[in-house]
N, C-alpha and C. Protein backbone atom coordinates (compact mmCIF):
# COMPACT_ATOMS: atom_id res chain seq x y z
N MET A 1 -18.05 8.01 -14.18
CA MET A 1 -17.34 7.76 -12.92
C MET A 1 -16.52 8.97 -12.56
N ALA A 2 -16.55 9.38 -11.30
CA ALA A 2 -15.78 10.54 -10.85
C ALA A 2 -14.29 10.28 -10.96
N ASP A 3 -13.55 11.35 -11.11
CA ASP A 3 -12.10 11.28 -11.19
C ASP A 3 -11.57 10.79 -9.84
N ARG A 4 -10.83 9.69 -9.83
CA ARG A 4 -10.33 9.12 -8.58
C ARG A 4 -8.84 9.39 -8.46
N THR A 5 -8.53 10.64 -8.23
CA THR A 5 -7.14 11.09 -8.06
C THR A 5 -7.02 11.86 -6.76
N ALA A 6 -5.79 11.97 -6.27
CA ALA A 6 -5.55 12.75 -5.06
C ALA A 6 -4.10 13.15 -4.99
N SER A 7 -3.86 14.30 -4.37
CA SER A 7 -2.52 14.76 -4.03
C SER A 7 -2.52 15.15 -2.56
N VAL A 8 -1.49 14.69 -1.83
CA VAL A 8 -1.39 14.96 -0.40
C VAL A 8 0.04 15.36 -0.06
N LYS A 9 0.17 16.37 0.79
CA LYS A 9 1.48 16.76 1.30
C LYS A 9 1.49 16.55 2.81
N ARG A 10 2.64 16.11 3.31
CA ARG A 10 2.81 15.94 4.77
C ARG A 10 4.16 16.51 5.14
N ASP A 11 4.16 17.52 6.00
CA ASP A 11 5.39 18.18 6.42
C ASP A 11 5.53 18.10 7.94
N THR A 12 6.61 17.46 8.39
CA THR A 12 6.93 17.43 9.82
C THR A 12 8.39 17.81 9.98
N LEU A 13 8.85 17.83 11.21
CA LEU A 13 10.27 18.11 11.47
C LEU A 13 11.16 16.95 11.01
N GLU A 14 10.54 15.78 10.74
CA GLU A 14 11.29 14.59 10.35
C GLU A 14 11.23 14.30 8.85
N THR A 15 10.09 14.61 8.23
CA THR A 15 9.92 14.31 6.81
C THR A 15 9.10 15.39 6.11
N GLN A 16 9.38 15.57 4.83
CA GLN A 16 8.55 16.40 3.96
C GLN A 16 8.19 15.52 2.76
N ILE A 17 6.90 15.22 2.63
CA ILE A 17 6.45 14.22 1.65
C ILE A 17 5.35 14.80 0.78
N SER A 18 5.40 14.45 -0.51
CA SER A 18 4.27 14.70 -1.39
C SER A 18 3.94 13.40 -2.12
N VAL A 19 2.65 13.10 -2.18
CA VAL A 19 2.15 11.91 -2.87
C VAL A 19 1.06 12.34 -3.83
N ALA A 20 1.13 11.85 -5.06
CA ALA A 20 0.06 12.03 -6.04
C ALA A 20 -0.28 10.67 -6.61
N LEU A 21 -1.57 10.38 -6.75
CA LEU A 21 -1.96 9.08 -7.29
C LEU A 21 -3.23 9.18 -8.10
N ASN A 22 -3.38 8.20 -8.99
CA ASN A 22 -4.58 8.01 -9.80
C ASN A 22 -4.97 6.55 -9.68
N LEU A 23 -6.11 6.28 -9.06
CA LEU A 23 -6.53 4.90 -8.82
C LEU A 23 -6.88 4.19 -10.12
N ASP A 24 -7.13 4.93 -11.19
CA ASP A 24 -7.48 4.34 -12.47
C ASP A 24 -6.38 4.57 -13.49
N GLY A 25 -5.15 4.42 -13.02
CA GLY A 25 -4.00 4.70 -13.85
C GLY A 25 -3.54 3.51 -14.68
N LYS A 26 -2.31 3.59 -15.12
CA LYS A 26 -1.73 2.54 -15.97
C LYS A 26 -0.55 1.83 -15.29
N GLY A 27 -0.36 2.08 -13.99
CA GLY A 27 0.69 1.39 -13.26
C GLY A 27 2.03 2.08 -13.29
N ALA A 28 2.04 3.39 -13.53
CA ALA A 28 3.30 4.15 -13.59
C ALA A 28 3.71 4.61 -12.20
N GLY A 29 4.99 4.47 -11.90
CA GLY A 29 5.51 4.91 -10.61
C GLY A 29 6.70 5.84 -10.77
N VAL A 30 6.71 6.91 -9.99
CA VAL A 30 7.84 7.85 -9.95
C VAL A 30 8.17 8.07 -8.48
N PHE A 31 9.44 7.81 -8.10
CA PHE A 31 9.79 7.85 -6.69
C PHE A 31 11.15 8.53 -6.48
N ASP A 32 11.23 9.31 -5.42
CA ASP A 32 12.49 9.89 -4.98
C ASP A 32 12.37 10.10 -3.49
N THR A 33 12.86 9.12 -2.73
CA THR A 33 12.62 9.11 -1.28
C THR A 33 13.88 8.96 -0.44
N GLY A 34 14.98 8.60 -1.07
CA GLY A 34 16.19 8.32 -0.31
C GLY A 34 16.24 6.91 0.25
N VAL A 35 15.21 6.09 -0.04
CA VAL A 35 15.18 4.71 0.44
C VAL A 35 14.93 3.81 -0.77
N PRO A 36 15.99 3.41 -1.46
CA PRO A 36 15.83 2.70 -2.74
C PRO A 36 15.02 1.41 -2.67
N PHE A 37 15.19 0.62 -1.63
CA PHE A 37 14.45 -0.63 -1.59
C PHE A 37 12.96 -0.40 -1.42
N LEU A 38 12.58 0.61 -0.62
CA LEU A 38 11.16 0.94 -0.50
C LEU A 38 10.61 1.41 -1.85
N GLU A 39 11.41 2.16 -2.59
CA GLU A 39 10.98 2.60 -3.92
C GLU A 39 10.71 1.40 -4.82
N HIS A 40 11.57 0.40 -4.75
CA HIS A 40 11.39 -0.82 -5.52
C HIS A 40 10.07 -1.51 -5.15
N MET A 41 9.74 -1.50 -3.86
CA MET A 41 8.50 -2.12 -3.40
C MET A 41 7.28 -1.28 -3.80
N MET A 42 7.36 0.04 -3.71
CA MET A 42 6.24 0.87 -4.13
C MET A 42 5.98 0.76 -5.60
N ASP A 43 7.03 0.51 -6.38
CA ASP A 43 6.86 0.29 -7.81
C ASP A 43 6.01 -0.96 -8.06
N GLN A 44 6.12 -1.96 -7.18
CA GLN A 44 5.27 -3.15 -7.29
C GLN A 44 3.80 -2.80 -7.04
N ILE A 45 3.56 -1.92 -6.06
CA ILE A 45 2.18 -1.48 -5.79
C ILE A 45 1.60 -0.81 -7.01
N ALA A 46 2.37 0.12 -7.59
CA ALA A 46 1.87 0.85 -8.76
C ALA A 46 1.60 -0.10 -9.92
N ARG A 47 2.59 -0.93 -10.25
CA ARG A 47 2.49 -1.78 -11.43
C ARG A 47 1.36 -2.80 -11.29
N HIS A 48 1.34 -3.49 -10.15
CA HIS A 48 0.37 -4.58 -9.99
C HIS A 48 -0.99 -4.08 -9.51
N GLY A 49 -1.03 -2.88 -8.94
CA GLY A 49 -2.29 -2.28 -8.56
C GLY A 49 -2.92 -1.44 -9.66
N MET A 50 -2.18 -1.25 -10.76
CA MET A 50 -2.62 -0.38 -11.85
C MET A 50 -2.98 1.01 -11.32
N VAL A 51 -2.14 1.48 -10.42
CA VAL A 51 -2.27 2.82 -9.83
C VAL A 51 -1.09 3.65 -10.30
N ASP A 52 -1.35 4.86 -10.79
CA ASP A 52 -0.25 5.78 -11.05
C ASP A 52 0.12 6.41 -9.73
N LEU A 53 1.39 6.30 -9.33
CA LEU A 53 1.81 6.70 -8.00
C LEU A 53 3.12 7.47 -8.06
N GLU A 54 3.10 8.69 -7.52
CA GLU A 54 4.32 9.51 -7.39
C GLU A 54 4.53 9.81 -5.92
N VAL A 55 5.77 9.53 -5.44
CA VAL A 55 6.10 9.77 -4.04
C VAL A 55 7.45 10.45 -3.99
N PHE A 56 7.48 11.63 -3.38
CA PHE A 56 8.72 12.37 -3.17
C PHE A 56 8.85 12.65 -1.69
N CYS A 57 10.05 12.41 -1.16
CA CYS A 57 10.26 12.57 0.27
C CYS A 57 11.68 13.06 0.55
N LYS A 58 11.78 14.04 1.43
CA LYS A 58 13.05 14.41 2.05
C LYS A 58 12.90 14.08 3.53
N GLY A 59 13.66 13.09 3.97
CA GLY A 59 13.53 12.63 5.34
C GLY A 59 14.86 12.58 6.06
N ASP A 60 14.79 12.33 7.35
CA ASP A 60 16.00 12.30 8.19
C ASP A 60 16.67 10.92 8.11
N THR A 61 16.98 10.51 6.89
CA THR A 61 17.61 9.20 6.69
C THR A 61 19.04 9.17 7.21
N HIS A 62 19.61 10.32 7.56
CA HIS A 62 20.93 10.32 8.21
C HIS A 62 20.84 9.70 9.60
N ILE A 63 19.62 9.67 10.18
CA ILE A 63 19.40 8.99 11.46
C ILE A 63 19.14 7.51 11.17
N ASP A 64 18.05 7.25 10.49
CA ASP A 64 17.74 5.94 9.90
C ASP A 64 16.53 6.12 9.01
N ASP A 65 16.01 5.01 8.47
CA ASP A 65 14.91 5.11 7.50
C ASP A 65 13.52 5.08 8.14
N HIS A 66 13.46 4.97 9.47
CA HIS A 66 12.19 4.72 10.15
C HIS A 66 11.13 5.78 9.83
N HIS A 67 11.45 7.04 10.09
CA HIS A 67 10.46 8.10 9.91
C HIS A 67 10.01 8.21 8.45
N THR A 68 10.95 8.06 7.55
CA THR A 68 10.63 8.15 6.12
C THR A 68 9.67 7.04 5.70
N VAL A 69 9.96 5.83 6.09
CA VAL A 69 9.13 4.68 5.69
C VAL A 69 7.73 4.78 6.31
N GLU A 70 7.66 5.07 7.60
CA GLU A 70 6.37 5.18 8.28
C GLU A 70 5.53 6.32 7.69
N ASP A 71 6.14 7.48 7.50
CA ASP A 71 5.40 8.64 7.03
C ASP A 71 4.96 8.50 5.58
N ILE A 72 5.73 7.79 4.77
CA ILE A 72 5.29 7.51 3.39
C ILE A 72 4.05 6.60 3.43
N GLY A 73 4.05 5.60 4.29
CA GLY A 73 2.86 4.75 4.44
C GLY A 73 1.64 5.57 4.85
N ILE A 74 1.83 6.49 5.80
CA ILE A 74 0.75 7.36 6.25
C ILE A 74 0.22 8.20 5.09
N THR A 75 1.12 8.81 4.33
CA THR A 75 0.72 9.75 3.29
C THR A 75 0.05 9.03 2.12
N ILE A 76 0.56 7.86 1.73
CA ILE A 76 -0.13 7.08 0.69
C ILE A 76 -1.53 6.69 1.17
N GLY A 77 -1.64 6.30 2.44
CA GLY A 77 -2.96 5.97 2.99
C GLY A 77 -3.92 7.14 2.92
N GLN A 78 -3.44 8.33 3.27
CA GLN A 78 -4.27 9.53 3.19
C GLN A 78 -4.72 9.80 1.77
N ALA A 79 -3.79 9.63 0.82
CA ALA A 79 -4.12 9.89 -0.58
C ALA A 79 -5.15 8.90 -1.12
N ILE A 80 -5.01 7.63 -0.78
CA ILE A 80 -5.97 6.63 -1.24
C ILE A 80 -7.34 6.90 -0.63
N ASP A 81 -7.38 7.22 0.66
CA ASP A 81 -8.65 7.53 1.31
C ASP A 81 -9.34 8.71 0.62
N LYS A 82 -8.57 9.72 0.27
CA LYS A 82 -9.11 10.90 -0.41
C LYS A 82 -9.60 10.54 -1.81
N ALA A 83 -8.82 9.74 -2.54
CA ALA A 83 -9.16 9.44 -3.94
C ALA A 83 -10.37 8.52 -4.05
N VAL A 84 -10.55 7.61 -3.11
CA VAL A 84 -11.62 6.61 -3.24
C VAL A 84 -12.99 7.20 -2.92
N GLY A 85 -13.01 8.33 -2.21
CA GLY A 85 -14.29 8.99 -1.93
C GLY A 85 -15.18 8.19 -1.00
N ASP A 86 -16.48 8.16 -1.29
CA ASP A 86 -17.42 7.51 -0.36
C ASP A 86 -17.52 6.00 -0.59
N LYS A 87 -16.79 5.47 -1.55
CA LYS A 87 -16.66 4.02 -1.80
C LYS A 87 -17.89 3.42 -2.50
N ARG A 88 -18.81 4.23 -2.94
CA ARG A 88 -19.96 3.68 -3.66
C ARG A 88 -19.50 2.98 -4.93
N GLY A 89 -20.02 1.78 -5.15
CA GLY A 89 -19.79 1.07 -6.40
C GLY A 89 -18.49 0.29 -6.51
N ILE A 90 -17.64 0.32 -5.47
CA ILE A 90 -16.40 -0.45 -5.54
C ILE A 90 -16.64 -1.86 -5.02
N TYR A 91 -15.73 -2.77 -5.38
CA TYR A 91 -15.83 -4.14 -4.89
C TYR A 91 -15.64 -4.22 -3.37
N ARG A 92 -14.86 -3.33 -2.82
CA ARG A 92 -14.57 -3.22 -1.40
C ARG A 92 -13.54 -4.23 -0.91
N TYR A 93 -13.71 -5.49 -1.26
CA TYR A 93 -12.79 -6.54 -0.82
C TYR A 93 -11.83 -6.90 -1.95
N GLY A 94 -10.60 -7.20 -1.58
CA GLY A 94 -9.64 -7.68 -2.55
C GLY A 94 -8.71 -8.68 -1.91
N HIS A 95 -8.24 -9.63 -2.72
CA HIS A 95 -7.30 -10.61 -2.20
C HIS A 95 -6.39 -11.08 -3.33
N ALA A 96 -5.20 -11.53 -2.98
CA ALA A 96 -4.28 -12.05 -3.98
C ALA A 96 -3.25 -12.95 -3.33
N TYR A 97 -2.91 -14.00 -4.07
CA TYR A 97 -1.74 -14.83 -3.77
C TYR A 97 -0.72 -14.53 -4.85
N VAL A 98 0.53 -14.30 -4.47
CA VAL A 98 1.58 -14.05 -5.45
C VAL A 98 2.82 -14.86 -5.09
N PRO A 99 3.33 -15.66 -6.05
CA PRO A 99 4.59 -16.39 -5.84
C PRO A 99 5.75 -15.65 -6.50
N LEU A 100 6.92 -15.89 -5.99
CA LEU A 100 8.17 -15.50 -6.66
C LEU A 100 9.19 -16.58 -6.31
N ASP A 101 9.44 -17.45 -7.28
CA ASP A 101 10.31 -18.60 -7.05
C ASP A 101 9.83 -19.37 -5.82
N GLU A 102 10.63 -19.44 -4.76
CA GLU A 102 10.28 -20.27 -3.61
C GLU A 102 9.32 -19.57 -2.64
N ALA A 103 9.11 -18.26 -2.82
CA ALA A 103 8.31 -17.48 -1.87
C ALA A 103 6.86 -17.36 -2.34
N LEU A 104 5.95 -17.29 -1.38
CA LEU A 104 4.53 -17.15 -1.67
C LEU A 104 3.88 -16.31 -0.58
N SER A 105 3.15 -15.28 -0.99
CA SER A 105 2.46 -14.43 -0.02
C SER A 105 1.00 -14.24 -0.40
N ARG A 106 0.20 -13.98 0.64
CA ARG A 106 -1.23 -13.71 0.48
C ARG A 106 -1.56 -12.38 1.18
N VAL A 107 -2.32 -11.54 0.47
CA VAL A 107 -2.80 -10.29 1.07
C VAL A 107 -4.31 -10.19 0.83
N VAL A 108 -5.03 -9.85 1.90
CA VAL A 108 -6.48 -9.65 1.83
C VAL A 108 -6.77 -8.25 2.40
N ILE A 109 -7.62 -7.49 1.67
CA ILE A 109 -7.89 -6.10 2.08
C ILE A 109 -9.38 -5.85 2.06
N ASP A 110 -9.82 -5.03 3.01
CA ASP A 110 -11.23 -4.63 3.11
C ASP A 110 -11.28 -3.13 3.32
N PHE A 111 -11.92 -2.41 2.40
CA PHE A 111 -12.11 -0.97 2.55
C PHE A 111 -13.31 -0.73 3.46
N SER A 112 -13.13 -1.10 4.72
CA SER A 112 -14.20 -1.18 5.70
C SER A 112 -14.44 0.14 6.43
N GLY A 113 -13.50 1.06 6.35
CA GLY A 113 -13.56 2.26 7.19
C GLY A 113 -12.99 2.02 8.57
N ARG A 114 -12.52 0.80 8.84
CA ARG A 114 -11.97 0.44 10.15
C ARG A 114 -10.51 0.02 9.97
N PRO A 115 -9.58 0.78 10.53
CA PRO A 115 -8.16 0.41 10.39
C PRO A 115 -7.83 -0.86 11.16
N GLY A 116 -7.11 -1.75 10.50
CA GLY A 116 -6.66 -2.96 11.17
C GLY A 116 -5.57 -3.64 10.36
N LEU A 117 -4.54 -4.09 11.05
CA LEU A 117 -3.44 -4.78 10.37
C LEU A 117 -3.10 -6.06 11.10
N ILE A 118 -3.17 -7.15 10.38
CA ILE A 118 -2.64 -8.43 10.84
C ILE A 118 -1.54 -8.80 9.84
N MET A 119 -0.33 -8.96 10.34
CA MET A 119 0.81 -9.15 9.44
C MET A 119 1.71 -10.23 9.99
N ASN A 120 1.94 -11.24 9.16
CA ASN A 120 2.81 -12.34 9.53
C ASN A 120 3.81 -12.60 8.40
N ILE A 121 4.98 -12.01 8.55
CA ILE A 121 6.05 -12.20 7.56
C ILE A 121 7.29 -12.66 8.32
N PRO A 122 7.55 -13.97 8.35
CA PRO A 122 8.73 -14.47 9.07
C PRO A 122 10.00 -14.28 8.24
N PHE A 123 10.45 -13.03 8.20
CA PHE A 123 11.62 -12.72 7.38
C PHE A 123 12.82 -13.56 7.80
N THR A 124 13.54 -14.08 6.82
CA THR A 124 14.71 -14.90 7.09
C THR A 124 15.96 -14.06 7.32
N GLN A 125 15.87 -12.76 7.04
CA GLN A 125 16.98 -11.83 7.28
C GLN A 125 16.45 -10.58 7.93
N LYS A 126 17.26 -9.96 8.78
CA LYS A 126 16.90 -8.68 9.42
C LYS A 126 17.00 -7.53 8.44
N ARG A 127 17.87 -7.68 7.44
CA ARG A 127 18.09 -6.61 6.48
C ARG A 127 18.09 -7.16 5.06
N ILE A 128 17.56 -6.34 4.14
CA ILE A 128 17.67 -6.62 2.72
C ILE A 128 18.54 -5.50 2.17
N GLY A 129 19.78 -5.81 1.89
CA GLY A 129 20.76 -4.75 1.62
C GLY A 129 20.92 -3.93 2.89
N THR A 130 20.59 -2.64 2.82
CA THR A 130 20.65 -1.78 4.01
C THR A 130 19.28 -1.55 4.63
N PHE A 131 18.24 -2.16 4.05
CA PHE A 131 16.88 -1.90 4.51
C PHE A 131 16.50 -2.82 5.65
N ASP A 132 16.02 -2.24 6.74
CA ASP A 132 15.60 -2.98 7.93
C ASP A 132 14.19 -3.55 7.69
N THR A 133 14.07 -4.88 7.68
CA THR A 133 12.78 -5.49 7.35
C THR A 133 11.69 -5.19 8.37
N GLU A 134 12.06 -4.80 9.60
CA GLU A 134 11.05 -4.43 10.59
C GLU A 134 10.23 -3.21 10.16
N LEU A 135 10.81 -2.40 9.26
CA LEU A 135 10.14 -1.17 8.85
C LEU A 135 8.92 -1.43 7.96
N PHE A 136 8.81 -2.65 7.41
CA PHE A 136 7.61 -2.94 6.63
C PHE A 136 6.37 -2.85 7.50
N TRP A 137 6.49 -3.27 8.75
CA TRP A 137 5.35 -3.13 9.69
C TRP A 137 4.96 -1.66 9.81
N GLU A 138 5.95 -0.79 9.96
CA GLU A 138 5.66 0.65 10.11
C GLU A 138 4.98 1.20 8.87
N PHE A 139 5.41 0.78 7.70
CA PHE A 139 4.80 1.23 6.45
C PHE A 139 3.33 0.84 6.40
N PHE A 140 3.04 -0.44 6.62
CA PHE A 140 1.67 -0.91 6.49
C PHE A 140 0.80 -0.41 7.64
N GLN A 141 1.35 -0.26 8.85
CA GLN A 141 0.56 0.28 9.96
C GLN A 141 0.16 1.72 9.68
N GLY A 142 1.11 2.51 9.17
CA GLY A 142 0.78 3.88 8.78
C GLY A 142 -0.27 3.91 7.69
N PHE A 143 -0.14 3.00 6.72
CA PHE A 143 -1.09 2.96 5.62
C PHE A 143 -2.49 2.64 6.10
N VAL A 144 -2.67 1.55 6.86
CA VAL A 144 -4.03 1.13 7.24
C VAL A 144 -4.70 2.17 8.15
N ASN A 145 -3.92 2.81 9.01
CA ASN A 145 -4.51 3.81 9.91
C ASN A 145 -5.11 4.98 9.17
N HIS A 146 -4.50 5.33 8.03
CA HIS A 146 -4.92 6.55 7.33
C HIS A 146 -5.75 6.26 6.08
N ALA A 147 -5.63 5.05 5.52
CA ALA A 147 -6.54 4.64 4.44
C ALA A 147 -7.85 4.11 5.01
N LYS A 148 -7.84 3.82 6.33
CA LYS A 148 -9.01 3.29 7.03
C LYS A 148 -9.45 1.96 6.42
N VAL A 149 -8.50 1.06 6.33
CA VAL A 149 -8.77 -0.27 5.76
C VAL A 149 -8.26 -1.35 6.71
N THR A 150 -8.79 -2.54 6.53
CA THR A 150 -8.27 -3.72 7.23
C THR A 150 -7.43 -4.51 6.22
N VAL A 151 -6.22 -4.89 6.64
CA VAL A 151 -5.33 -5.64 5.76
C VAL A 151 -4.76 -6.83 6.53
N HIS A 152 -4.85 -8.01 5.91
CA HIS A 152 -4.20 -9.21 6.44
C HIS A 152 -3.08 -9.60 5.47
N ILE A 153 -1.87 -9.71 5.98
CA ILE A 153 -0.70 -10.01 5.17
C ILE A 153 -0.03 -11.26 5.73
N ASP A 154 0.14 -12.25 4.88
CA ASP A 154 0.82 -13.49 5.31
C ASP A 154 1.82 -13.90 4.25
N CYS A 155 3.08 -14.02 4.63
CA CYS A 155 4.06 -14.66 3.77
C CYS A 155 4.04 -16.14 4.16
N LEU A 156 3.56 -16.96 3.25
CA LEU A 156 3.30 -18.37 3.57
C LEU A 156 4.54 -19.23 3.51
N ARG A 157 5.51 -18.82 2.66
CA ARG A 157 6.79 -19.54 2.61
C ARG A 157 7.80 -18.70 1.86
N GLY A 158 9.07 -19.09 2.02
CA GLY A 158 10.15 -18.40 1.33
C GLY A 158 11.40 -18.36 2.19
N HIS A 159 12.55 -18.46 1.55
CA HIS A 159 13.81 -18.36 2.30
C HIS A 159 14.66 -17.20 1.85
N ASN A 160 14.32 -16.55 0.75
CA ASN A 160 15.03 -15.37 0.29
C ASN A 160 14.23 -14.14 0.72
N ALA A 161 14.79 -13.30 1.58
CA ALA A 161 14.04 -12.18 2.16
C ALA A 161 13.58 -11.18 1.10
N HIS A 162 14.38 -10.98 0.06
CA HIS A 162 13.97 -10.10 -1.03
C HIS A 162 12.72 -10.66 -1.70
N HIS A 163 12.70 -11.95 -1.95
CA HIS A 163 11.54 -12.58 -2.56
C HIS A 163 10.32 -12.48 -1.64
N GLN A 164 10.54 -12.67 -0.34
CA GLN A 164 9.44 -12.56 0.62
C GLN A 164 8.79 -11.18 0.54
N ALA A 165 9.62 -10.15 0.58
CA ALA A 165 9.12 -8.78 0.54
C ALA A 165 8.41 -8.48 -0.79
N GLU A 166 9.00 -8.92 -1.87
CA GLU A 166 8.45 -8.60 -3.18
C GLU A 166 7.11 -9.29 -3.39
N THR A 167 6.95 -10.53 -2.92
CA THR A 167 5.65 -11.18 -3.06
C THR A 167 4.59 -10.46 -2.24
N VAL A 168 4.95 -9.96 -1.07
CA VAL A 168 4.00 -9.21 -0.25
C VAL A 168 3.52 -7.96 -0.98
N PHE A 169 4.45 -7.19 -1.53
CA PHE A 169 4.06 -5.93 -2.16
C PHE A 169 3.33 -6.16 -3.48
N LYS A 170 3.70 -7.19 -4.23
CA LYS A 170 2.95 -7.51 -5.44
C LYS A 170 1.53 -7.95 -5.09
N ALA A 171 1.40 -8.80 -4.09
CA ALA A 171 0.07 -9.25 -3.66
C ALA A 171 -0.74 -8.09 -3.12
N PHE A 172 -0.09 -7.19 -2.40
CA PHE A 172 -0.79 -6.00 -1.89
C PHE A 172 -1.34 -5.17 -3.06
N GLY A 173 -0.52 -4.96 -4.08
CA GLY A 173 -0.96 -4.21 -5.25
C GLY A 173 -2.15 -4.88 -5.93
N ARG A 174 -2.08 -6.20 -6.10
CA ARG A 174 -3.16 -6.94 -6.76
C ARG A 174 -4.44 -6.88 -5.92
N ALA A 175 -4.33 -7.05 -4.61
CA ALA A 175 -5.50 -6.99 -3.75
C ALA A 175 -6.12 -5.60 -3.75
N LEU A 176 -5.26 -4.58 -3.75
CA LEU A 176 -5.72 -3.19 -3.80
C LEU A 176 -6.51 -2.95 -5.09
N ARG A 177 -5.97 -3.44 -6.20
CA ARG A 177 -6.64 -3.26 -7.49
C ARG A 177 -8.03 -3.90 -7.48
N MET A 178 -8.11 -5.12 -6.97
CA MET A 178 -9.39 -5.81 -6.93
C MET A 178 -10.41 -5.05 -6.06
N ALA A 179 -9.98 -4.62 -4.88
CA ALA A 179 -10.89 -3.94 -3.94
C ALA A 179 -11.40 -2.62 -4.49
N LEU A 180 -10.56 -1.91 -5.22
CA LEU A 180 -10.92 -0.57 -5.71
C LEU A 180 -11.58 -0.59 -7.08
N GLU A 181 -11.64 -1.76 -7.71
CA GLU A 181 -12.27 -1.87 -9.03
C GLU A 181 -13.74 -1.49 -8.92
N VAL A 182 -14.23 -0.79 -9.93
CA VAL A 182 -15.64 -0.40 -9.95
C VAL A 182 -16.47 -1.57 -10.46
N ASP A 183 -17.48 -1.94 -9.68
CA ASP A 183 -18.36 -3.05 -9.99
C ASP A 183 -19.61 -2.48 -10.68
N GLU A 184 -19.75 -2.74 -11.96
CA GLU A 184 -20.87 -2.19 -12.73
C GLU A 184 -22.22 -2.66 -12.19
N ARG A 185 -22.26 -3.84 -11.64
CA ARG A 185 -23.53 -4.35 -11.09
C ARG A 185 -23.93 -3.59 -9.83
N MET A 186 -22.93 -3.07 -9.11
CA MET A 186 -23.23 -2.31 -7.89
C MET A 186 -23.81 -0.93 -8.21
N GLY A 187 -23.44 -0.40 -9.37
CA GLY A 187 -23.90 0.94 -9.71
C GLY A 187 -23.42 1.94 -8.68
N ASN A 188 -24.35 2.71 -8.13
CA ASN A 188 -24.00 3.73 -7.13
C ASN A 188 -24.31 3.25 -5.71
N THR A 189 -24.37 1.93 -5.55
CA THR A 189 -24.74 1.36 -4.26
C THR A 189 -23.52 1.28 -3.33
N MET A 190 -23.77 1.50 -2.05
CA MET A 190 -22.72 1.35 -1.05
C MET A 190 -22.49 -0.16 -0.78
N PRO A 191 -21.23 -0.62 -0.82
CA PRO A 191 -20.98 -2.05 -0.61
C PRO A 191 -21.01 -2.43 0.88
N SER A 192 -22.13 -2.12 1.52
CA SER A 192 -22.32 -2.45 2.93
C SER A 192 -23.80 -2.38 3.27
N THR A 193 -24.26 -3.31 4.09
CA THR A 193 -25.66 -3.28 4.52
C THR A 193 -25.92 -2.14 5.49
N LYS A 194 -24.86 -1.55 6.05
CA LYS A 194 -25.01 -0.40 6.94
C LYS A 194 -25.37 0.87 6.18
N GLY A 195 -25.04 0.90 4.88
CA GLY A 195 -25.31 2.08 4.09
C GLY A 195 -24.20 3.11 4.11
N THR A 196 -23.13 2.80 4.85
CA THR A 196 -21.99 3.71 4.92
C THR A 196 -20.74 2.91 5.26
N LEU A 197 -19.60 3.44 4.84
CA LEU A 197 -18.32 2.82 5.18
C LEU A 197 -17.36 3.93 5.62
């Protein structure tokens, strides 16, 4: 199997970001972004997705966290798209339900080559600590546009906003892991009747 790693840098007037990942890692995460709650969530992606993920960002957080969160989603999406290659032999589809106490979320992902995001998280709070929960949309929208995947995210229940967010990111990690897993029965076959993704 080819090495499924990637490193991507993104430099704008608003953010300077570097992302390195290994899709066949051990779930290690290293983060320095200036947005602690997002780092906590990305750690869930790494751990539950079994992806080694390093994200470093210097962003204009003195304004707010918007550009940093969105651009990190974009850059992780670019890195995953680069690392997965032509997608031959992967499962392509992944899904997961994850509970945390009273909260329950479902994430379904398709490495279709077509960006799409359907997201329904009825957050019970506008902020988790200092983090604006609306920014999760920006993170995932940036991700799907650049990873070229379709993602459906639903928080099915929960009254603690931290739990709601954490179940989403854990489920996202689990769904990502399933979709990117190499299917031995597929061999070098493209997981599409079109012959390309």
